[in-house]
PDB file of N, CA and C in Angstrom:
ATOM      1  N   MET A   1      76.821 -46.811 -79.762  1.00  0.00           N
ATOM      2  CA  MET A   1      75.474 -46.583 -80.251  1.00  0.00           C
ATOM      3  C   MET A   1      74.567 -46.375 -78.986  1.00  0.00           C
ATOM      4  N   GLN A   2      73.759 -45.329 -79.008  1.00  0.00           N
ATOM      5  CA  GLN A   2      73.009 -45.067 -77.870  1.00  0.00           C
ATOM      6  C   GLN A   2      71.607 -45.879 -77.912  1.00  0.00           C
ATOM      7  N   LEU A   3      71.202 -46.271 -76.732  1.00  0.00           N
ATOM      8  CA  LEU A   3      69.910 -46.910 -76.632  1.00  0.00           C
ATOM      9  C   LEU A   3      68.802 -45.933 -76.605  1.00  0.00           C
ATOM     10  N   SER A   4      67.653 -46.338 -77.164  1.00  0.00           N
ATOM     11  CA  SER A   4      66.388 -45.513 -77.086  1.00  0.00           C
ATOM     12  C   SER A   4      65.566 -45.952 -75.915  1.00  0.00           C
ATOM     13  N   LEU A   5      65.338 -44.991 -75.003  1.00  0.00           N
ATOM     14  CA  LEU A   5      64.546 -45.310 -73.833  1.00  0.00           C
ATOM     15  C   LEU A   5      63.175 -45.842 -74.200  1.00  0.00           C
ATOM     16  N   LYS A   6      62.560 -45.253 -75.241  1.00  0.00           N
ATOM     17  CA  LYS A   6      61.215 -45.708 -75.679  1.00  0.00           C
ATOM     18  C   LYS A   6      61.223 -47.136 -76.056  1.00  0.00           C
ATOM     19  N   LYS A   7      62.119 -47.515 -76.941  1.00  0.00           N
ATOM     20  CA  LYS A   7      62.200 -48.866 -77.447  1.00  0.00           C
ATOM     21  C   LYS A   7      62.629 -49.866 -76.364  1.00  0.00           C
ATOM     22  N   TYR A   8      63.718 -49.519 -75.598  1.00  0.00           N
ATOM     23  CA  TYR A   8      64.194 -50.394 -74.581  1.00  0.00           C
ATOM     24  C   TYR A   8      63.180 -50.556 -73.478  1.00  0.00           C
ATOM     25  N   GLY A   9      62.588 -49.440 -73.091  1.00  0.00           N
ATOM     26  CA  GLY A   9      61.572 -49.412 -72.014  1.00  0.00           C
ATOM     27  C   GLY A   9      60.441 -50.321 -72.287  1.00  0.00           C
ATOM     28  N   TRP A  10      59.833 -50.196 -73.491  1.00  0.00           N
ATOM     29  CA  TRP A  10      58.717 -51.069 -73.822  1.00  0.00           C
ATOM     30  C   TRP A  10      59.074 -52.532 -73.902  1.00  0.00           C
ATOM     31  N   LYS A  11      60.320 -52.843 -74.302  1.00  0.00           N
ATOM     32  CA  LYS A  11      60.774 -54.233 -74.332  1.00  0.00           C
ATOM     33  C   LYS A  11      60.864 -54.751 -72.829  1.00  0.00           C
ATOM     34  N   CYS A  12      61.420 -53.906 -71.940  1.00  0.00           N
ATOM     35  CA  CYS A  12      61.509 -54.314 -70.548  1.00  0.00           C
ATOM     36  C   CYS A  12      60.072 -54.490 -69.940  1.00  0.00           C
ATOM     37  N   VAL A  13      59.170 -53.632 -70.322  1.00  0.00           N
ATOM     38  CA  VAL A  13      57.787 -53.798 -69.828  1.00  0.00           C
ATOM     39  C   VAL A  13      57.128 -55.081 -70.347  1.00  0.00           C
ATOM     40  N   LEU A  14      57.366 -55.349 -71.638  1.00  0.00           N
ATOM     41  CA  LEU A  14      56.760 -56.596 -72.180  1.00  0.00           C
ATOM     42  C   LEU A  14      57.364 -57.850 -71.407  1.00  0.00           C
ATOM     43  N   GLY A  15      58.649 -57.845 -71.264  1.00  0.00           N
ATOM     44  CA  GLY A  15      59.309 -58.999 -70.572  1.00  0.00           C
ATOM     45  C   GLY A  15      58.790 -59.133 -69.148  1.00  0.00           C
ATOM     46  N   ALA A  16      58.664 -58.009 -68.437  1.00  0.00           N
ATOM     47  CA  ALA A  16      58.248 -58.048 -67.024  1.00  0.00           C
ATOM     48  C   ALA A  16      56.776 -58.453 -66.949  1.00  0.00           C
ATOM     49  N   GLU A  17      55.934 -58.080 -67.906  1.00  0.00           N
ATOM     50  CA  GLU A  17      54.514 -58.441 -67.835  1.00  0.00           C
ATOM     51  C   GLU A  17      54.353 -59.968 -68.181  1.00  0.00           C
ATOM     52  N   VAL A  18      55.097 -60.409 -69.144  1.00  0.00           N
ATOM     53  CA  VAL A  18      55.067 -61.830 -69.472  1.00  0.00           C
ATOM     54  C   VAL A  18      55.575 -62.685 -68.228  1.00  0.00           C
ATOM     55  N   ALA A  19      56.630 -62.287 -67.627  1.00  0.00           N
ATOM     56  CA  ALA A  19      57.105 -63.014 -66.429  1.00  0.00           C
ATOM     57  C   ALA A  19      56.109 -62.960 -65.329  1.00  0.00           C
ATOM     58  N   TYR A  20      55.472 -61.832 -65.109  1.00  0.00           N
ATOM     59  CA  TYR A  20      54.479 -61.662 -64.052  1.00  0.00           C
ATOM     60  C   TYR A  20      53.294 -62.599 -64.279  1.00  0.00           C
ATOM     61  N   VAL A  21      52.716 -62.613 -65.502  1.00  0.00           N
ATOM     62  CA  VAL A  21      51.630 -63.501 -65.741  1.00  0.00           C
ATOM     63  C   VAL A  21      52.053 -64.998 -65.663  1.00  0.00           C
ATOM     64  N   LEU A  22      53.225 -65.335 -66.037  1.00  0.00           N
ATOM     65  CA  LEU A  22      53.659 -66.757 -65.867  1.00  0.00           C
ATOM     66  C   LEU A  22      53.786 -67.090 -64.406  1.00  0.00           C
ATOM     67  N   CYS A  23      54.315 -66.163 -63.618  1.00  0.00           N
ATOM     68  CA  CYS A  23      54.467 -66.434 -62.170  1.00  0.00           C
ATOM     69  C   CYS A  23      53.079 -66.527 -61.517  1.00  0.00           C
ATOM     70  N   VAL A  24      52.197 -65.705 -61.846  1.00  0.00           N
ATOM     71  CA  VAL A  24      50.801 -65.790 -61.237  1.00  0.00           C
ATOM     72  C   VAL A  24      50.218 -67.083 -61.680  1.00  0.00           C
ATOM     73  N   LEU A  25      50.320 -67.441 -62.942  1.00  0.00           N
ATOM     74  CA  LEU A  25      49.706 -68.754 -63.392  1.00  0.00           C
ATOM     75  C   LEU A  25      50.388 -69.896 -62.653  1.00  0.00           C
ATOM     76  N   GLY A  26      51.709 -69.797 -62.439  1.00  0.00           N
ATOM     77  CA  GLY A  26      52.437 -70.840 -61.717  1.00  0.00           C
ATOM     78  C   GLY A  26      51.926 -71.070 -60.259  1.00  0.00           C
ATOM     79  N   GLY A  27      51.260 -70.012 -59.733  1.00  0.00           N
ATOM     80  CA  GLY A  27      50.659 -70.141 -58.387  1.00  0.00           C
ATOM     81  C   GLY A  27      49.476 -71.056 -58.365  1.00  0.00           C
ATOM     82  N   PHE A  28      48.909 -71.448 -59.513  1.00  0.00           N
ATOM     83  CA  PHE A  28      47.798 -72.306 -59.635  1.00  0.00           C
ATOM     84  C   PHE A  28      48.169 -73.724 -59.879  1.00  0.00           C
ATOM     85  N   LEU A  29      49.418 -73.999 -60.255  1.00  0.00           N
ATOM     86  CA  LEU A  29      49.864 -75.285 -60.627  1.00  0.00           C
ATOM     87  C   LEU A  29      50.170 -76.108 -59.366  1.00  0.00           C
ATOM     88  N   PRO A  30      49.694 -77.333 -59.224  1.00  0.00           N
ATOM     89  CA  PRO A  30      49.965 -78.110 -57.982  1.00  0.00           C
ATOM     90  C   PRO A  30      51.239 -78.846 -58.061  1.00  0.00           C
ATOM     91  N   LEU A  31      52.353 -78.144 -58.394  1.00  0.00           N
ATOM     92  CA  LEU A  31      53.606 -78.858 -58.599  1.00  0.00           C
ATOM     93  C   LEU A  31      54.463 -78.819 -57.254  1.00  0.00           C
ATOM     94  N   ARG A  32      53.923 -78.085 -56.262  1.00  0.00           N
ATOM     95  CA  ARG A  32      54.658 -77.986 -55.000  1.00  0.00           C
ATOM     96  C   ARG A  32      53.825 -78.446 -53.845  1.00  0.00           C
ATOM     97  N   SER A  33      54.407 -78.553 -52.697  1.00  0.00           N
ATOM     98  CA  SER A  33      53.651 -78.892 -51.506  1.00  0.00           C
ATOM     99  C   SER A  33      52.670 -77.756 -51.164  1.00  0.00           C
ATOM    100  N   ALA A  34      51.742 -78.039 -50.260  1.00  0.00           N
ATOM    101  CA  ALA A  34      50.785 -76.974 -49.805  1.00  0.00           C
ATOM    102  C   ALA A  34      51.567 -75.775 -49.206  1.00  0.00           C
ATOM    103  N   ALA A  35      52.626 -76.109 -48.416  1.00  0.00           N
ATOM    104  CA  ALA A  35      53.465 -74.986 -47.859  1.00  0.00           C
ATOM    105  C   ALA A  35      54.162 -74.217 -48.962  1.00  0.00           C
ATOM    106  N   GLY A  36      54.674 -74.879 -49.998  1.00  0.00           N
ATOM    107  CA  GLY A  36      55.297 -74.169 -51.059  1.00  0.00           C
ATOM    108  C   GLY A  36      54.357 -73.339 -51.830  1.00  0.00           C
ATOM    109  N   ILE A  37      53.203 -73.716 -52.088  1.00  0.00           N
ATOM    110  CA  ILE A  37      52.102 -72.913 -52.684  1.00  0.00           C
ATOM    111  C   ILE A  37      51.771 -71.735 -51.849  1.00  0.00           C
ATOM    112  N   GLN A  38      51.664 -71.969 -50.550  1.00  0.00           N
ATOM    113  CA  GLN A  38      51.393 -70.839 -49.665  1.00  0.00           C
ATOM    114  C   GLN A  38      52.491 -69.808 -49.653  1.00  0.00           C
ATOM    115  N   ILE A  39      53.765 -70.259 -49.705  1.00  0.00           N
ATOM    116  CA  ILE A  39      54.861 -69.287 -49.804  1.00  0.00           C
ATOM    117  C   ILE A  39      54.794 -68.472 -51.085  1.00  0.00           C
ATOM    118  N   HIS A  40      54.469 -69.183 -52.197  1.00  0.00           N
ATOM    119  CA  HIS A  40      54.373 -68.528 -53.478  1.00  0.00           C
ATOM    120  C   HIS A  40      53.310 -67.399 -53.445  1.00  0.00           C
ATOM    121  N   HIS A  41      52.165 -67.731 -52.799  1.00  0.00           N
ATOM    122  CA  HIS A  41      51.146 -66.691 -52.693  1.00  0.00           C
ATOM    123  C   HIS A  41      51.562 -65.564 -51.771  1.00  0.00           C
ATOM    124  N   THR A  42      52.223 -65.908 -50.648  1.00  0.00           N
ATOM    125  CA  THR A  42      52.668 -64.895 -49.728  1.00  0.00           C
ATOM    126  C   THR A  42      53.696 -63.938 -50.354  1.00  0.00           C
ATOM    127  N   ILE A  43      54.529 -64.470 -51.141  1.00  0.00           N
ATOM    128  CA  ILE A  43      55.546 -63.590 -51.858  1.00  0.00           C
ATOM    129  C   ILE A  43      54.807 -62.528 -52.719  1.00  0.00           C
ATOM    130  N   PHE A  44      53.787 -62.907 -53.433  1.00  0.00           N
ATOM    131  CA  PHE A  44      52.984 -61.923 -54.218  1.00  0.00           C
ATOM    132  C   PHE A  44      52.382 -60.949 -53.248  1.00  0.00           C
ATOM    133  N   GLU A  45      51.911 -61.422 -52.043  1.00  0.00           N
ATOM    134  CA  GLU A  45      51.199 -60.477 -51.134  1.00  0.00           C
ATOM    135  C   GLU A  45      52.172 -59.493 -50.507  1.00  0.00           C
ATOM    136  N   THR A  46      53.480 -59.539 -50.716  1.00  0.00           N
ATOM    137  CA  THR A  46      54.351 -58.508 -50.216  1.00  0.00           C
ATOM    138  C   THR A  46      54.250 -57.240 -51.002  1.00  0.00           C
ATOM    139  N   LEU A  47      53.578 -57.367 -52.209  1.00  0.00           N
ATOM    140  CA  LEU A  47      53.299 -56.081 -53.008  1.00  0.00           C
ATOM    141  C   LEU A  47      52.170 -55.379 -52.259  1.00  0.00           C
ATOM    142  N   PRO A  48      52.343 -54.129 -51.954  1.00  0.00           N
ATOM    143  CA  PRO A  48      51.320 -53.390 -51.240  1.00  0.00           C
ATOM    144  C   PRO A  48      49.927 -53.419 -51.982  1.00  0.00           C
ATOM    145  N   GLY A  49      48.890 -53.792 -51.232  1.00  0.00           N
ATOM    146  CA  GLY A  49      47.568 -53.850 -51.817  1.00  0.00           C
ATOM    147  C   GLY A  49      47.196 -55.156 -52.517  1.00  0.00           C
ATOM    148  N   PHE A  50      48.122 -56.049 -52.661  1.00  0.00           N
ATOM    149  CA  PHE A  50      47.897 -57.294 -53.382  1.00  0.00           C
ATOM    150  C   PHE A  50      47.380 -58.402 -52.411  1.00  0.00           C
ATOM    151  N   THR A  51      46.268 -58.977 -52.839  1.00  0.00           N
ATOM    152  CA  THR A  51      45.684 -60.179 -52.135  1.00  0.00           C
ATOM    153  C   THR A  51      45.561 -61.290 -53.127  1.00  0.00           C
ATOM    154  N   TRP A  52      45.754 -62.515 -52.712  1.00  0.00           N
ATOM    155  CA  TRP A  52      45.742 -63.646 -53.682  1.00  0.00           C
ATOM    156  C   TRP A  52      44.317 -64.071 -53.702  1.00  0.00           C
ATOM    157  N   ILE A  53      43.702 -64.290 -54.782  1.00  0.00           N
ATOM    158  CA  ILE A  53      43.808 -63.714 -56.086  1.00  0.00           C
ATOM    159  C   ILE A  53      42.534 -63.053 -56.314  1.00  0.00           C
ATOM    160  N   SER A  54      42.629 -61.787 -56.721  1.00  0.00           N
ATOM    161  CA  SER A  54      41.456 -61.057 -57.195  1.00  0.00           C
ATOM    162  C   SER A  54      41.841 -60.345 -58.436  1.00  0.00           C
ATOM    163  N   PHE A  55      40.878 -59.960 -59.254  1.00  0.00           N
ATOM    164  CA  PHE A  55      41.148 -59.258 -60.505  1.00  0.00           C
ATOM    165  C   PHE A  55      41.792 -57.929 -60.277  1.00  0.00           C
ATOM    166  N   GLY A  56      41.325 -57.258 -59.230  1.00  0.00           N
ATOM    167  CA  GLY A  56      41.959 -55.912 -58.913  1.00  0.00           C
ATOM    168  C   GLY A  56      43.401 -56.044 -58.543  1.00  0.00           C
ATOM    169  N   SER A  57      43.713 -57.072 -57.715  1.00  0.00           N
ATOM    170  CA  SER A  57      45.100 -57.324 -57.344  1.00  0.00           C
ATOM    171  C   SER A  57      45.940 -57.710 -58.578  1.00  0.00           C
ATOM    172  N   PHE A  58      45.381 -58.489 -59.454  1.00  0.00           N
ATOM    173  CA  PHE A  58      46.127 -58.930 -60.619  1.00  0.00           C
ATOM    174  C   PHE A  58      46.497 -57.643 -61.505  1.00  0.00           C
ATOM    175  N   ILE A  59      45.563 -56.751 -61.633  1.00  0.00           N
ATOM    176  CA  ILE A  59      45.806 -55.471 -62.371  1.00  0.00           C
ATOM    177  C   ILE A  59      46.798 -54.641 -61.590  1.00  0.00           C
ATOM    178  N   LEU A  60      46.658 -54.533 -60.312  1.00  0.00           N
ATOM    179  CA  LEU A  60      47.580 -53.769 -59.483  1.00  0.00           C
ATOM    180  C   LEU A  60      49.014 -54.319 -59.629  1.00  0.00           C
ATOM    181  N   GLY A  61      49.164 -55.666 -59.635  1.00  0.00           N
ATOM    182  CA  GLY A  61      50.501 -56.240 -59.840  1.00  0.00           C
ATOM    183  C   GLY A  61      51.049 -55.915 -61.203  1.00  0.00           C
ATOM    184  N   ALA A  62      50.197 -55.976 -62.211  1.00  0.00           N
ATOM    185  CA  ALA A  62      50.658 -55.642 -63.587  1.00  0.00           C
ATOM    186  C   ALA A  62      51.132 -54.112 -63.631  1.00  0.00           C
ATOM    187  N   ILE A  63      50.417 -53.270 -62.846  1.00  0.00           N
ATOM    188  CA  ILE A  63      50.853 -51.863 -62.858  1.00  0.00           C
ATOM    189  C   ILE A  63      52.225 -51.754 -62.152  1.00  0.00           C
ATOM    190  N   TYR A  64      52.416 -52.473 -61.025  1.00  0.00           N
ATOM    191  CA  TYR A  64      53.707 -52.523 -60.345  1.00  0.00           C
ATOM    192  C   TYR A  64      54.792 -52.943 -61.338  1.00  0.00           C
ATOM    193  N   MET A  65      54.535 -54.020 -62.061  1.00  0.00           N
ATOM    194  CA  MET A  65      55.567 -54.521 -62.952  1.00  0.00           C
ATOM    195  C   MET A  65      55.887 -53.487 -64.050  1.00  0.00           C
ATOM    196  N   PHE A  66      54.874 -52.783 -64.523  1.00  0.00           N
ATOM    197  CA  PHE A  66      55.103 -51.695 -65.505  1.00  0.00           C
ATOM    198  C   PHE A  66      56.021 -50.683 -64.909  1.00  0.00           C
ATOM    199  N   VAL A  67      55.706 -50.202 -63.739  1.00  0.00           N
ATOM    200  CA  VAL A  67      56.493 -49.160 -63.100  1.00  0.00           C
ATOM    201  C   VAL A  67      57.940 -49.615 -62.841  1.00  0.00           C
ATOM    202  N   PHE A  68      58.031 -50.811 -62.253  1.00  0.00           N
ATOM    203  CA  PHE A  68      59.416 -51.300 -61.977  1.00  0.00           C
ATOM    204  C   PHE A  68      60.209 -51.538 -63.231  1.00  0.00           C
ATOM    205  N   ALA A  69      59.625 -52.069 -64.296  1.00  0.00           N
ATOM    206  CA  ALA A  69      60.301 -52.228 -65.586  1.00  0.00           C
ATOM    207  C   ALA A  69      60.719 -50.910 -66.144  1.00  0.00           C
ATOM    208  N   TRP A  70      59.894 -49.921 -66.113  1.00  0.00           N
ATOM    209  CA  TRP A  70      60.250 -48.591 -66.651  1.00  0.00           C
ATOM    210  C   TRP A  70      61.359 -47.961 -65.901  1.00  0.00           C
ATOM    211  N   ILE A  71      61.340 -48.102 -64.519  1.00  0.00           N
ATOM    212  CA  ILE A  71      62.431 -47.563 -63.767  1.00  0.00           C
ATOM    213  C   ILE A  71      63.724 -48.239 -64.052  1.00  0.00           C
ATOM    214  N   PHE A  72      63.724 -49.608 -64.211  1.00  0.00           N
ATOM    215  CA  PHE A  72      64.860 -50.343 -64.538  1.00  0.00           C
ATOM    216  C   PHE A  72      65.378 -49.916 -65.910  1.00  0.00           C
ATOM    217  N   ALA A  73      64.501 -49.780 -66.897  1.00  0.00           N
ATOM    218  CA  ALA A  73      64.932 -49.391 -68.301  1.00  0.00           C
ATOM    219  C   ALA A  73      65.519 -47.938 -68.297  1.00  0.00           C
ATOM    220  N   SER A  74      64.923 -47.046 -67.520  1.00  0.00           N
ATOM    221  CA  SER A  74      65.445 -45.691 -67.496  1.00  0.00           C
ATOM    222  C   SER A  74      66.888 -45.701 -66.901  1.00  0.00           C
ATOM    223  N   TYR A  75      67.131 -46.444 -65.838  1.00  0.00           N
ATOM    224  CA  TYR A  75      68.414 -46.503 -65.230  1.00  0.00           C
ATOM    225  C   TYR A  75      69.421 -47.144 -66.143  1.00  0.00           C
ATOM    226  N   PHE A  76      69.021 -48.284 -66.790  1.00  0.00           N
ATOM    227  CA  PHE A  76      69.921 -48.984 -67.686  1.00  0.00           C
ATOM    228  C   PHE A  76      70.291 -48.172 -68.863  1.00  0.00           C
ATOM    229  N   VAL A  77      69.287 -47.516 -69.478  1.00  0.00           N
ATOM    230  CA  VAL A  77      69.589 -46.695 -70.698  1.00  0.00           C
ATOM    231  C   VAL A  77      70.471 -45.519 -70.304  1.00  0.00           C
ATOM    232  N   TRP A  78      70.197 -44.835 -69.143  1.00  0.00           N
ATOM    233  CA  TRP A  78      71.002 -43.761 -68.723  1.00  0.00           C
ATOM    234  C   TRP A  78      72.424 -44.265 -68.486  1.00  0.00           C
ATOM    235  N   MET A  79      72.589 -45.386 -67.751  1.00  0.00           N
ATOM    236  CA  MET A  79      73.916 -45.900 -67.475  1.00  0.00           C
ATOM    237  C   MET A  79      74.699 -46.261 -68.750  1.00  0.00           C
ATOM    238  N   HIS A  80      74.008 -46.880 -69.697  1.00  0.00           N
ATOM    239  CA  HIS A  80      74.590 -47.275 -70.999  1.00  0.00           C
ATOM    240  C   HIS A  80      75.027 -46.014 -71.788  1.00  0.00           C
ATOM    241  N   ASN A  81      74.055 -45.121 -71.933  1.00  0.00           N
ATOM    242  CA  ASN A  81      74.305 -43.947 -72.830  1.00  0.00           C
ATOM    243  C   ASN A  81      75.392 -42.982 -72.195  1.00  0.00           C
ATOM    244  N   SER A  82      75.314 -42.879 -70.882  1.00  0.00           N
ATOM    245  CA  SER A  82      76.304 -41.955 -70.252  1.00  0.00           C
ATOM    246  C   SER A  82      77.717 -42.512 -70.237  1.00  0.00           C
ATOM    247  N   SER A  83      77.853 -43.835 -70.437  1.00  0.00           N
ATOM    248  CA  SER A  83      79.256 -44.452 -70.418  1.00  0.00           C
ATOM    249  C   SER A  83      79.839 -44.479 -71.785  1.00  0.00           C
ATOM    250  N   LEU A  84      79.066 -44.108 -72.844  1.00  0.00           N
ATOM    251  CA  LEU A  84      79.698 -44.073 -74.181  1.00  0.00           C
ATOM    252  C   LEU A  84      80.667 -42.920 -74.242  1.00  0.00           C
ATOM    253  N   THR A  85      81.740 -43.156 -74.863  1.00  0.00           N
ATOM    254  CA  THR A  85      82.787 -42.069 -75.064  1.00  0.00           C
ATOM    255  C   THR A  85      82.707 -41.596 -76.472  1.00  0.00           C
ATOM    256  N   ASN A  86      82.736 -40.290 -76.683  1.00  0.00           N
ATOM    257  CA  ASN A  86      82.813 -39.730 -77.994  1.00  0.00           C
ATOM    258  C   ASN A  86      84.240 -39.532 -78.431  1.00  0.00           C
ATOM    259  N   LYS A  87      84.573 -40.059 -79.539  1.00  0.00           N
ATOM    260  CA  LYS A  87      86.012 -39.976 -79.992  1.00  0.00           C
ATOM    261  C   LYS A  87      86.115 -38.990 -81.060  1.00  0.00           C
TER     262      LYS A  87
END
């Protein structure tokens, strides 16, 4: 059965956006040491144009997650559908 890029892509986007929001919110929780929190923020700042924390950067990160999720979905759907054999 072939996968639909539209359906699978939007599911990947939803998952990526939820994970992104949870990870950003996790950066505000004082569950780690000061150095651990700084590393958490620095990892986000590896995204080009992202600075901790501004609304513009939050939106930019969401756009990055959308693009990455759609690329992943496209590759996965292509790989799955092209590996099916017709008998």
